[in-house]
Each structure stands twice: as C-alpha cells, then as structure tokens.
C-alpha atoms as a PDB file:
ATOM      1  CA  MET A   1    -212.823  80.426  -7.113  1.00  0.00           C
ATOM      2  CA  ALA A   2    -213.574  79.549  -3.696  1.00  0.00           C
ATOM      3  CA  GLU A   3    -212.176  76.394  -2.630  1.00  0.00           C
ATOM      4  CA  VAL A   4    -213.827  74.391   0.417  1.00  0.00           C
ATOM      5  CA  ILE A   5    -211.225  73.003   2.743  1.00  0.00           C
ATOM      6  CA  ARG A   6    -212.430  70.279   5.087  1.00  0.00           C
ATOM      7  CA  GLY A   7    -211.741  69.896   8.843  1.00  0.00           C
ATOM      8  CA  ASP A   8    -212.417  67.637  11.343  1.00  0.00           C
ATOM      9  CA  PHE A   9    -212.248  69.698  14.850  1.00  0.00           C
ATOM     10  CA  PRO A  10    -213.254  68.449  18.230  1.00  0.00           C
ATOM     11  CA  GLY A  11    -216.852  68.665  19.095  1.00  0.00           C
ATOM     12  CA  VAL A  12    -217.837  69.669  15.569  1.00  0.00           C
ATOM     13  CA  VAL A  13    -221.713  68.212  14.259  1.00  0.00           C
ATOM     14  CA  GLU A  14    -221.593  67.499  10.276  1.00  0.00           C
ATOM     15  CA  HIS A  15    -224.161  68.537   8.458  1.00  0.00           C
ATOM     16  CA  GLY A  16    -227.612  66.818   8.476  1.00  0.00           C
ATOM     17  CA  GLY A  17    -226.560  65.935  12.006  1.00  0.00           C
ATOM     18  CA  ALA A  18    -227.978  67.320  15.373  1.00  0.00           C
ATOM     19  CA  PRO A  19    -228.684  71.064  15.314  1.00  0.00           C
ATOM     20  CA  ARG A  20    -225.558  72.783  16.307  1.00  0.00           C
ATOM     21  CA  PRO A  21    -225.719  75.613  19.581  1.00  0.00           C
ATOM     22  CA  SER A  22    -225.415  78.973  19.203  1.00  0.00           C
ATOM     23  CA  SER A  23    -222.690  80.945  19.961  1.00  0.00           C
ATOM     24  CA  SER A  24    -221.069  84.365  20.675  1.00  0.00           C
ATOM     25  CA  ILE A  25    -219.165  86.247  18.087  1.00  0.00           C
ATOM     26  CA  ALA A  26    -217.164  89.370  18.605  1.00  0.00           C
ATOM     27  CA  ALA A  27    -215.815  92.182  16.526  1.00  0.00           C
ATOM     28  CA  LEU A  28    -212.820  93.910  18.764  1.00  0.00           C
ATOM     29  CA  ASN A  29    -212.924  97.432  17.180  1.00  0.00           C
ATOM     30  CA  LEU A  30    -209.218  98.270  18.672  1.00  0.00           C
ATOM     31  CA  GLY A  31    -206.802 100.759  18.341  1.00  0.00           C
ATOM     32  CA  PRO A  32    -203.388  99.344  17.299  1.00  0.00           C
ATOM     33  CA  VAL A  33    -200.081 101.202  17.976  1.00  0.00           C
ATOM     34  CA  PRO A  34    -197.786 101.659  14.674  1.00  0.00           C
ATOM     35  CA  GLY A  35    -195.291  99.347  14.507  1.00  0.00           C
ATOM     36  CA  GLU A  36    -195.752  98.112  18.070  1.00  0.00           C
ATOM     37  CA  VAL A  37    -196.353  94.552  16.963  1.00  0.00           C
ATOM     38  CA  ALA A  38    -195.544  92.914  20.631  1.00  0.00           C
ATOM     39  CA  GLY A  39    -197.409  95.050  22.383  1.00  0.00           C
ATOM     40  CA  ASN A  40    -200.904  95.034  19.818  1.00  0.00           C
ATOM     41  CA  LEU A  41    -200.883  91.151  20.368  1.00  0.00           C
ATOM     42  CA  ARG A  42    -200.589  91.281  24.011  1.00  0.00           C
ATOM     43  CA  LEU A  43    -204.177  93.991  23.885  1.00  0.00           C
ATOM     44  CA  ALA A  44    -206.065  91.181  21.915  1.00  0.00           C
ATOM     45  CA  GLY A  45    -204.731  88.976  24.467  1.00  0.00           C
ATOM     46  CA  LEU A  46    -206.190  90.853  27.293  1.00  0.00           C
ATOM     47  CA  THR A  47    -209.474  91.798  25.325  1.00  0.00           C
ATOM     48  CA  ILE A  48    -210.095  88.501  24.017  1.00  0.00           C
ATOM     49  CA  ARG A  49    -209.497  86.648  27.602  1.00  0.00           C
ATOM     50  CA  ARG A  50    -211.686  89.528  28.973  1.00  0.00           C
ATOM     51  CA  LEU A  51    -214.488  88.739  26.732  1.00  0.00           C
ATOM     52  CA  ARG A  52    -214.512  84.886  27.099  1.00  0.00           C
ATOM     53  CA  ARG A  53    -214.565  85.429  31.157  1.00  0.00           C
ATOM     54  CA  ARG A  54    -217.360  87.647  30.720  1.00  0.00           C
ATOM     55  CA  ASP A  55    -219.262  85.310  27.965  1.00  0.00           C
ATOM     56  CA  PRO A  56    -218.024  81.880  27.978  1.00  0.00           C
ATOM     57  CA  SER A  57    -220.049  80.962  24.839  1.00  0.00           C
ATOM     58  CA  LEU A  58    -217.660  83.603  23.090  1.00  0.00           C
ATOM     59  CA  ARG A  59    -216.558  81.544  20.012  1.00  0.00           C
ATOM     60  CA  TYR A  60    -215.389  83.638  17.506  1.00  0.00           C
ATOM     61  CA  VAL A  61    -213.563  86.846  17.223  1.00  0.00           C
ATOM     62  CA  VAL A  62    -212.639  89.525  14.492  1.00  0.00           C
ATOM     63  CA  LEU A  63    -210.034  92.284  14.522  1.00  0.00           C
ATOM     64  CA  PRO A  64    -209.245  94.940  12.696  1.00  0.00           C
ATOM     65  CA  GLU A  65    -206.994  94.989   9.049  1.00  0.00           C
ATOM     66  CA  LEU A  66    -203.050  94.947   9.751  1.00  0.00           C
ATOM     67  CA  PHE A  67    -203.874  94.748  13.609  1.00  0.00           C
ATOM     68  CA  THR A  68    -200.407  93.227  13.824  1.00  0.00           C
ATOM     69  CA  CYS A  69    -198.943  96.864  12.744  1.00  0.00           C
ATOM     70  CA  GLY A  70    -201.839  99.212  12.658  1.00  0.00           C
ATOM     71  CA  TYR A  71    -202.997 100.511   9.399  1.00  0.00           C
ATOM     72  CA  SER A  72    -200.442 103.789   9.377  1.00  0.00           C
ATOM     73  CA  ASP A  73    -197.465 104.273   7.553  1.00  0.00           C
ATOM     74  CA  LEU A  74    -197.796 101.783   4.862  1.00  0.00           C
ATOM     75  CA  GLY A  75    -194.749 102.581   3.313  1.00  0.00           C
ATOM     76  CA  SER A  76    -192.823 101.264   6.217  1.00  0.00           C
ATOM     77  CA  VAL A  77    -195.123  98.128   6.651  1.00  0.00           C
ATOM     78  CA  TYR A  78    -192.869  95.515   4.906  1.00  0.00           C
ATOM     79  CA  ARG A  79    -190.946  95.794   7.964  1.00  0.00           C
ATOM     80  CA  HIS A  80    -193.021  93.817   9.931  1.00  0.00           C
ATOM     81  CA  ALA A  81    -194.369  91.075   7.226  1.00  0.00           C
ATOM     82  CA  GLU A  82    -194.253  87.599   8.369  1.00  0.00           C
ATOM     83  CA  ASP A  83    -194.864  84.205   7.387  1.00  0.00           C
ATOM     84  CA  ALA A  84    -198.748  83.699   7.689  1.00  0.00           C
ATOM     85  CA  ASP A  85    -198.259  79.925   9.533  1.00  0.00           C
ATOM     86  CA  VAL A  86    -195.245  80.194  11.631  1.00  0.00           C
ATOM     87  CA  GLY A  87    -194.773  84.207  11.863  1.00  0.00           C
ATOM     88  CA  VAL A  88    -195.141  85.434  15.615  1.00  0.00           C
ATOM     89  CA  SER A  89    -199.024  86.685  15.186  1.00  0.00           C
ATOM     90  CA  ALA A  90    -199.860  82.894  13.731  1.00  0.00           C
ATOM     91  CA  ARG A  91    -198.196  81.297  16.557  1.00  0.00           C
ATOM     92  CA  PHE A  92    -199.293  83.729  19.458  1.00  0.00           C
ATOM     93  CA  PHE A  93    -203.082  83.347  18.492  1.00  0.00           C
ATOM     94  CA  ALA A  94    -202.511  79.775  17.697  1.00  0.00           C
ATOM     95  CA  ASN A  95    -201.251  79.627  21.684  1.00  0.00           C
ATOM     96  CA  LEU A  96    -204.474  81.968  22.417  1.00  0.00           C
ATOM     97  CA  ALA A  97    -207.119  79.692  20.209  1.00  0.00           C
ATOM     98  CA  ARG A  98    -206.201  76.854  21.997  1.00  0.00           C
ATOM     99  CA  GLU A  99    -206.290  77.945  25.580  1.00  0.00           C
ATOM    100  CA  LEU A 100    -209.698  79.576  24.872  1.00  0.00           C
ATOM    101  CA  GLY A 101    -211.392  76.982  22.808  1.00  0.00           C
ATOM    102  CA  VAL A 102    -212.060  80.701  20.221  1.00  0.00           C
ATOM    103  CA  PHE A 103    -211.206  81.388  16.489  1.00  0.00           C
ATOM    104  CA  VAL A 104    -209.865  84.377  15.572  1.00  0.00           C
ATOM    105  CA  ALA A 105    -209.543  86.389  12.682  1.00  0.00           C
ATOM    106  CA  TYR A 106    -207.253  88.981  12.211  1.00  0.00           C
ATOM    107  CA  GLY A 107    -205.436  91.133  10.096  1.00  0.00           C
ATOM    108  CA  PHE A 108    -201.270  91.543   9.231  1.00  0.00           C
ATOM    109  CA  PRO A 109    -198.840  91.912   6.774  1.00  0.00           C
ATOM    110  CA  GLU A 110    -198.175  88.758   5.005  1.00  0.00           C
ATOM    111  CA  ARG A 111    -194.161  88.079   3.502  1.00  0.00           C
ATOM    112  CA  ALA A 112    -194.718  86.142  -0.060  1.00  0.00           C
ATOM    113  CA  PRO A 113    -194.113  82.885   0.633  1.00  0.00           C
ATOM    114  CA  GLY A 114    -191.498  80.925  -1.538  1.00  0.00           C
ATOM    115  CA  PRO A 115    -189.195  82.758  -4.343  1.00  0.00           C
ATOM    116  CA  VAL A 116    -192.104  84.991  -5.096  1.00  0.00           C
ATOM    117  CA  ALA A 117    -191.096  88.541  -4.018  1.00  0.00           C
ATOM    118  CA  GLY A 118    -193.726  90.982  -2.402  1.00  0.00           C
ATOM    119  CA  VAL A 119    -195.912  91.713   0.840  1.00  0.00           C
ATOM    120  CA  PHE A 120    -200.070  91.061   1.251  1.00  0.00           C
ATOM    121  CA  ASN A 121    -202.506  92.607   3.189  1.00  0.00           C
ATOM    122  CA  SER A 122    -203.634  89.739   4.585  1.00  0.00           C
ATOM    123  CA  ALA A 123    -206.166  88.300   7.255  1.00  0.00           C
ATOM    124  CA  ASN A 124    -205.446  84.852   9.483  1.00  0.00           C
ATOM    125  CA  LEU A 125    -208.300  82.510  10.770  1.00  0.00           C
ATOM    126  CA  VAL A 126    -206.415  80.910  13.653  1.00  0.00           C
ATOM    127  CA  GLY A 127    -208.196  78.197  15.679  1.00  0.00           C
ATOM    128  CA  PRO A 128    -207.357  75.753  18.121  1.00  0.00           C
ATOM    129  CA  GLU A 129    -205.589  73.333  15.844  1.00  0.00           C
ATOM    130  CA  GLY A 130    -203.996  76.444  14.802  1.00  0.00           C
ATOM    131  CA  VAL A 131    -204.501  78.239  10.897  1.00  0.00           C
ATOM    132  CA  LEU A 132    -206.629  77.242   9.325  1.00  0.00           C
ATOM    133  CA  ALA A 133    -206.895  79.941   6.319  1.00  0.00           C
ATOM    134  CA  THR A 134    -204.973  83.136   4.549  1.00  0.00           C
ATOM    135  CA  TYR A 135    -206.598  85.575   2.363  1.00  0.00           C
ATOM    136  CA  ARG A 136    -204.919  88.138   0.647  1.00  0.00           C
ATOM    137  CA  LYS A 137    -206.934  91.395   0.168  1.00  0.00           C
ATOM    138  CA  ARG A 138    -207.810  91.190  -3.562  1.00  0.00           C
ATOM    139  CA  ASN A 139    -209.459  95.377  -3.524  1.00  0.00           C
ATOM    140  CA  LEU A 140    -206.273  97.182  -2.444  1.00  0.00           C
ATOM    141  CA  VAL A 141    -207.489 100.861  -1.677  1.00  0.00           C
ATOM    142  CA  GLU A 142    -205.603 103.580  -4.524  1.00  0.00           C
ATOM    143  CA  THR A 143    -206.568 106.461  -2.164  1.00  0.00           C
ATOM    144  CA  THR A 144    -204.158 105.977   0.269  1.00  0.00           C
ATOM    145  CA  PRO A 145    -200.298 103.903  -1.116  1.00  0.00           C
ATOM    146  CA  GLU A 146    -202.270 100.714  -0.361  1.00  0.00           C
ATOM    147  CA  HIS A 147    -201.786  99.856  -3.932  1.00  0.00           C
ATOM    148  CA  ARG A 148    -198.462 100.524  -4.026  1.00  0.00           C
ATOM    149  CA  ALA A 149    -197.228  98.580  -0.958  1.00  0.00           C
ATOM    150  CA  PHE A 150    -199.234  95.567  -1.275  1.00  0.00           C
ATOM    151  CA  ALA A 151    -199.818  92.967  -3.900  1.00  0.00           C
ATOM    152  CA  ALA A 152    -203.207  91.454  -4.758  1.00  0.00           C
ATOM    153  CA  GLY A 153    -204.477  88.155  -3.613  1.00  0.00           C
ATOM    154  CA  SER A 154    -206.502  85.935  -5.683  1.00  0.00           C
ATOM    155  CA  ASP A 155    -207.807  82.920  -3.329  1.00  0.00           C
ATOM    156  CA  LEU A 156    -210.873  82.398  -1.512  1.00  0.00           C
ATOM    157  CA  PRO A 157    -210.683  79.364   1.267  1.00  0.00           C
ATOM    158  CA  VAL A 158    -213.866  78.355   2.903  1.00  0.00           C
ATOM    159  CA  VAL A 159    -212.900  76.528   5.791  1.00  0.00           C
ATOM    160  CA  GLU A 160    -214.643  74.860   8.373  1.00  0.00           C
ATOM    161  CA  ALA A 161    -214.512  76.290  11.951  1.00  0.00           C
ATOM    162  CA  GLY A 162    -215.883  75.112  14.669  1.00  0.00           C
ATOM    163  CA  GLY A 163    -219.415  74.068  12.351  1.00  0.00           C
ATOM    164  CA  PRO A 164    -219.928  77.058  10.473  1.00  0.00           C
ATOM    165  CA  ARG A 165    -218.302  77.113   7.155  1.00  0.00           C
ATOM    166  CA  VAL A 166    -216.384  80.603   7.239  1.00  0.00           C
ATOM    167  CA  ALA A 167    -214.261  82.919   5.007  1.00  0.00           C
ATOM    168  CA  LEU A 168    -212.544  85.838   5.010  1.00  0.00           C
ATOM    169  CA  ALA A 169    -212.242  89.449   3.463  1.00  0.00           C
ATOM    170  CA  VAL A 170    -210.129  92.855   3.973  1.00  0.00           C
ATOM    171  CA  CYS A 171    -212.340  96.308   4.234  1.00  0.00           C
ATOM    172  CA  TRP A 172    -212.400  98.007   0.763  1.00  0.00           C
ATOM    173  CA  ASP A 173    -213.447  94.040  -0.263  1.00  0.00           C
ATOM    174  CA  LEU A 174    -216.659  94.881   1.117  1.00  0.00           C
ATOM    175  CA  GLY A 175    -217.329  98.046  -0.979  1.00  0.00           C
ATOM    176  CA  PHE A 176    -218.272  95.633  -3.809  1.00  0.00           C
ATOM    177  CA  PRO A 177    -220.362  92.041  -3.932  1.00  0.00           C
ATOM    178  CA  GLU A 178    -217.675  89.553  -5.489  1.00  0.00           C
ATOM    179  CA  VAL A 179    -215.662  88.545  -2.459  1.00  0.00           C
ATOM    180  CA  ALA A 180    -218.532  87.759  -0.195  1.00  0.00           C
ATOM    181  CA  ARG A 181    -221.225  86.232  -2.908  1.00  0.00           C
ATOM    182  CA  GLU A 182    -218.086  83.886  -4.202  1.00  0.00           C
ATOM    183  CA  ALA A 183    -217.558  82.715  -0.380  1.00  0.00           C
ATOM    184  CA  ALA A 184    -221.501  82.028  -0.234  1.00  0.00           C
ATOM    185  CA  ALA A 185    -221.523  80.498  -3.351  1.00  0.00           C
ATOM    186  CA  GLY A 186    -218.458  78.027  -1.850  1.00  0.00           C
ATOM    187  CA  GLY A 187    -220.464  77.271   0.799  1.00  0.00           C
ATOM    188  CA  ALA A 188    -219.347  79.803   3.318  1.00  0.00           C
ATOM    189  CA  GLU A 189    -222.055  80.981   6.070  1.00  0.00           C
ATOM    190  CA  LEU A 190    -220.086  83.085   7.814  1.00  0.00           C
ATOM    191  CA  VAL A 191    -217.717  85.790   6.844  1.00  0.00           C
ATOM    192  CA  LEU A 192    -215.047  87.853   9.151  1.00  0.00           C
ATOM    193  CA  ALA A 193    -213.807  91.062   7.555  1.00  0.00           C
ATOM    194  CA  PRO A 194    -211.201  92.871   9.639  1.00  0.00           C
ATOM    195  CA  ALA A 195    -211.137  96.458   8.321  1.00  0.00           C
ATOM    196  CA  ALA A 196    -209.620 100.105   8.692  1.00  0.00           C
ATOM    197  CA  TRP A 197    -212.097 101.711   7.450  1.00  0.00           C
ATOM    198  CA  ARG A 198    -211.343 106.028   7.336  1.00  0.00           C
ATOM    199  CA  GLU A 199    -213.705 108.792   8.031  1.00  0.00           C
ATOM    200  CA  PRO A 200    -215.813 110.577   6.708  1.00  0.00           C
ATOM    201  CA  TRP A 201    -217.064 107.419   5.582  1.00  0.00           C
ATOM    202  CA  GLY A 202    -218.592 105.561   8.398  1.00  0.00           C
ATOM    203  CA  PRO A 203    -221.623 104.977   7.038  1.00  0.00           C
ATOM    204  CA  GLN A 204    -220.786 103.851   4.173  1.00  0.00           C
ATOM    205  CA  TYR A 205    -219.049 100.874   5.614  1.00  0.00           C
ATOM    206  CA  ALA A 206    -222.043 100.042   7.766  1.00  0.00           C
ATOM    207  CA  LEU A 207    -223.780 100.507   4.298  1.00  0.00           C
ATOM    208  CA  SER A 208    -221.524  97.970   3.236  1.00  0.00           C
ATOM    209  CA  CYS A 209    -221.463  95.411   5.782  1.00  0.00           C
ATOM    210  CA  ALA A 210    -225.293  95.134   5.570  1.00  0.00           C
ATOM    211  CA  ALA A 211    -225.431  94.888   1.718  1.00  0.00           C
ATOM    212  CA  ARG A 212    -222.698  91.873   1.594  1.00  0.00           C
ATOM    213  CA  ALA A 213    -224.625  90.073   4.040  1.00  0.00           C
ATOM    214  CA  LEU A 214    -228.512  90.521   2.484  1.00  0.00           C
ATOM    215  CA  ASP A 215    -226.773  89.922  -0.926  1.00  0.00           C
ATOM    216  CA  SER A 216    -225.628  86.660   0.048  1.00  0.00           C
ATOM    217  CA  GLY A 217    -227.876  85.742   2.812  1.00  0.00           C
ATOM    218  CA  ILE A 218    -224.579  85.069   5.243  1.00  0.00           C
ATOM    219  CA  HIS A 219    -223.758  86.303   8.418  1.00  0.00           C
ATOM    220  CA  LEU A 220    -220.726  88.875   8.335  1.00  0.00           C
ATOM    221  CA  ALA A 221    -218.854  90.122  11.336  1.00  0.00           C
ATOM    222  CA  SER A 222    -216.179  93.241  10.706  1.00  0.00           C
ATOM    223  CA  ALA A 223    -214.329  95.134  12.738  1.00  0.00           C
ATOM    224  CA  ASN A 224    -212.134  98.537  12.579  1.00  0.00           C
ATOM    225  CA  GLN A 225    -209.884 100.268  13.817  1.00  0.00           C
ATOM    226  CA  LEU A 226    -210.179 102.968  15.731  1.00  0.00           C
ATOM    227  CA  GLY A 227    -208.341 106.308  16.506  1.00  0.00           C
ATOM    228  CA  ASP A 228    -206.426 108.898  14.875  1.00  0.00           C
ATOM    229  CA  TYR A 229    -203.675 108.354  12.868  1.00  0.00           C
ATOM    230  CA  PRO A 230    -201.205 110.357  11.032  1.00  0.00           C
ATOM    231  CA  GLU A 231    -202.750 109.710   7.803  1.00  0.00           C
ATOM    232  CA  ALA A 232    -206.396 109.415   8.560  1.00  0.00           C
ATOM    233  CA  ARG A 233    -209.411 109.127  11.283  1.00  0.00           C
ATOM    234  CA  PHE A 234    -210.966 106.094  11.591  1.00  0.00           C
ATOM    235  CA  GLY A 235    -214.061 106.662  13.567  1.00  0.00           C
ATOM    236  CA  ALA A 236    -216.571 104.235  12.492  1.00  0.00           C
ATOM    237  CA  PRO A 237    -217.046 100.360  14.998  1.00  0.00           C
ATOM    238  CA  GLY A 238    -217.415  97.643  13.035  1.00  0.00           C
ATOM    239  CA  HIS A 239    -220.596  95.126  13.614  1.00  0.00           C
ATOM    240  CA  VAL A 240    -222.027  91.776  12.928  1.00  0.00           C
ATOM    241  CA  TYR A 241    -224.758  91.426  10.630  1.00  0.00           C
ATOM    242  CA  GLY A 242    -227.434  88.835   9.866  1.00  0.00           C
ATOM    243  CA  PRO A 243    -228.063  87.214   6.934  1.00  0.00           C
ATOM    244  CA  ASN A 244    -231.118  89.600   6.672  1.00  0.00           C
ATOM    245  CA  GLY A 245    -229.049  92.327   6.294  1.00  0.00           C
ATOM    246  CA  MET A 246    -229.621  94.012   9.922  1.00  0.00           C
ATOM    247  CA  ARG A 247    -227.201  94.371  12.282  1.00  0.00           C
ATOM    248  CA  LEU A 248    -227.329  92.059  15.704  1.00  0.00           C
ATOM    249  CA  SER A 249    -224.541  93.378  17.900  1.00  0.00           C
ATOM    250  CA  ARG A 250    -224.638  95.417  20.320  1.00  0.00           C
ATOM    251  CA  ARG A 251    -221.801  97.395  22.019  1.00  0.00           C
ATOM    252  CA  LEU A 252    -219.624  96.435  24.715  1.00  0.00           C
ATOM    253  CA  GLY A 253    -216.937  98.860  25.422  1.00  0.00           C
ATOM    254  CA  ALA A 254    -214.425  98.214  22.231  1.00  0.00           C
ATOM    255  CA  ALA A 255    -216.161  94.963  21.514  1.00  0.00           C
ATOM    256  CA  SER A 256    -219.579  94.624  19.519  1.00  0.00           C
ATOM    257  CA  VAL A 257    -221.128  91.052  20.627  1.00  0.00           C
ATOM    258  CA  ALA A 258    -224.027  89.376  19.127  1.00  0.00           C
ATOM    259  CA  SER A 259    -225.093  85.863  19.337  1.00  0.00           C
ATOM    260  CA  LEU A 260    -224.771  83.412  16.120  1.00  0.00           C
ATOM    261  CA  ASP A 261    -227.348  81.023  14.812  1.00  0.00           C
ATOM    262  CA  PRO A 262    -225.805  78.865  12.507  1.00  0.00           C
ATOM    263  CA  ALA A 263    -229.268  77.734  11.057  1.00  0.00           C
ATOM    264  CA  ALA A 264    -230.580  81.124  10.038  1.00  0.00           C
ATOM    265  CA  PRO A 265    -228.607  81.907   6.568  1.00  0.00           C
ATOM    266  CA  GLU A 266    -230.366  78.735   5.322  1.00  0.00           C
ATOM    267  CA  LEU A 267    -233.755  79.633   7.008  1.00  0.00           C
ATOM    268  CA  TRP A 268    -233.494  83.331   5.677  1.00  0.00           C
ATOM    269  CA  ARG A 269    -233.021  82.359   1.971  1.00  0.00           C
ATOM    270  CA  ARG A 270    -236.048  79.817   2.497  1.00  0.00           C
ATOM    271  CA  PHE A 271    -238.135  82.659   3.950  1.00  0.00           C
ATOM    272  CA  TYR A 272    -237.096  85.699   1.747  1.00  0.00           C
ATOM    273  CA  GLY A 273    -235.465  83.721  -1.776  1.00  0.00           C
ATOM    274  CA  ASP A 274    -231.936  82.189  -2.492  1.00  0.00           C
ATOM    275  CA  THR A 275    -230.353  85.634  -3.797  1.00  0.00           C
ATOM    276  CA  LEU A 276    -227.647  82.911  -4.332  1.00  0.00           C
ATOM    277  CA  GLY A 277    -229.971  80.673  -7.115  1.00  0.00           C
ATOM    278  CA  GLY A 278    -230.669  83.474  -9.163  1.00  0.00           C
ATOM    279  CA  HIS A 279    -234.467  82.482  -8.824  1.00  0.00           C
ATOM    280  CA  GLY A 280    -235.407  84.531  -6.012  1.00  0.00           C
ATOM    281  CA  ARG A 281    -238.173  81.842  -5.374  1.00  0.00           C
ATOM    282  CA  VAL A 282    -239.486  81.635  -1.650  1.00  0.00           C
ATOM    283  CA  VAL A 283    -240.702  78.264  -0.579  1.00  0.00           C
ATOM    284  CA  GLY A 284    -242.160  76.959   2.326  1.00  0.00           C
ATOM    285  CA  ILE A 285    -242.266  79.237   5.507  1.00  0.00           C
ATOM    286  CA  GLU A 286    -245.003  81.568   6.487  1.00  0.00           C
ATOM    287  CA  GLU A 287    -244.056  85.164   6.377  1.00  0.00           C
ATOM    288  CA  GLY A 288    -242.750  86.578   9.374  1.00  0.00           C
ATOM    289  CA  SER A 289    -242.236  83.200  11.255  1.00  0.00           C
ATOM    290  CA  LEU A 290    -238.772  83.939  11.920  1.00  0.00           C
ATOM    291  CA  GLY A 291    -238.738  87.146  13.256  1.00  0.00           C
ATOM    292  CA  PHE A 292    -236.524  88.605  10.958  1.00  0.00           C
ATOM    293  CA  VAL A 293    -239.386  91.370   9.585  1.00  0.00           C
ATOM    294  CA  SER A 294    -242.146  92.963  11.110  1.00  0.00           C
END
C-alpha cells in the first residue's frame, strides 16, 4: 500500500492555503555511459544547471532508469550498487538539489539494506533536504536479464516535495495501471518515472505514460535512456503528461520540458469524472471551461 510521508520544507504552502505557483518540470532523456558512474553524474549536473539557468522556474527533474551506471550489462550491475541514502549518487544529487532548489528523481542500482542480500532496480527522489523517497521497481522485465539481476520491490512511498505529493515508478511499471493508481489513491498528484524503454516499443511507451496519467488523473513525467547499446536500442524520448492524458512537454535538446500546474489533477477530476472514486461522476464545472478538451 502507498504510504504518505509528510515533510516540512521551506516555502511549502499546505493544502487549503494560498494557491501554489506553477513551476517547470523536465524529463532529461540522456544516454549514460555503461559503468561510468562519475561521468554520468557530471553529465546530469551540467545538464540540470544549464536548464536551471535557462528556466529559473525549473523545480522538478527526472532522469532515466539505472542512470548512474546505464541500462546495459545487467549481469555486472551489482558492481555499481550503492546505499540509497548515503551512496555516491545520493550525496551528489542532494548537494545539487540544495544548490539549485530542485527535486531530482533518478534510477540507480540499490544495494539491499541491512542483512538482506541482493540488488534492487531503484529510483530515488532527492530534494534540498536530501533523499525524500526510494522506490524499488516492482515489475521486472523477463525479456532481459533484469528479473535475474534484481529483487522486486514492494513499498510505494508518497512524499510531499515542494508542494505536490510525489510518487515514483520505474519503466515497465508503466505497462500496468496498478502502481500509478495506488500512488494516486495514496494522494500522489505527480508520478516521476525513470525509464529505459527499448525499441521497437517506443509507441507503447508513450501510450503507457499517457494512459497511466489519464487512468488516475495525475501528472506523470518519464525520462528515457537514449542511444544504441550492445543489448538494445533506446530511441523514444520520455515526456510530461497531464491528468487528461495529453502530452504537455516540448523538446528542448535532451529535455522534455513542461509547466506544472498543481491544481490541474483536482480540477480535471471534477471536470471529467473522478476515476479513482469509482463513480465517474462529473460535478460543478461547465464543459470546456478548463481548456482540456476542444
């Protein structure tokens, strides 16, 4: 079950207070070099700083699945596994988030904590206060060695991150309604989904992202690994989708960038019908008043 974790962050207006300002969100579709953790982190830092200078309203960033080491050579991925809270990537992105005032979601191989043996295909959400949430991929792909390289996760944290409630998913999780729906039922308004979605299934990647946003009436942003690797080609860039299932983002180099309206999920559900409530009842807003449909 989704667990709501409440956090007090500077400048956050709680629900019921004054309207929260809109901010920008970017899906960074990058091509990490397999095994080059330090170089991949530098690439992320340079790209995020460049985007932040260009758009001072940038608040949320999502990077690809297993970004730190690349989705490649999964048989050796354990060599790059790290602790979710104090590993090299967690420290790097915590410093970057503190410096720029942003929230970053990224994929990495996580060393199982405590006495538990194994490696998880995980995603971290890091903000100015440090690591806010770690999600371990539930739905492991069986057409690659992924299901043999990783243990499956179970928990689904939902955290307050700069205003919106945010949850994480990883790649093939988007092929099923359950993860995004559980997150939304737990209060999430935004799902950030690192991905390494292979060809020739790029069209299904886009459809899955749009469907999960519409299924649950949430914002969803996914970043895909791009490039040709020994095992696979990754060619479909990820994007940002609104609660109406429509793509919001525009391409800006490697980034897909959109404005994030924190009020949109609630307004869409009132306009379209609350698909989480199970009744499909439209209340109180005239057709076309939100600009979601033509």
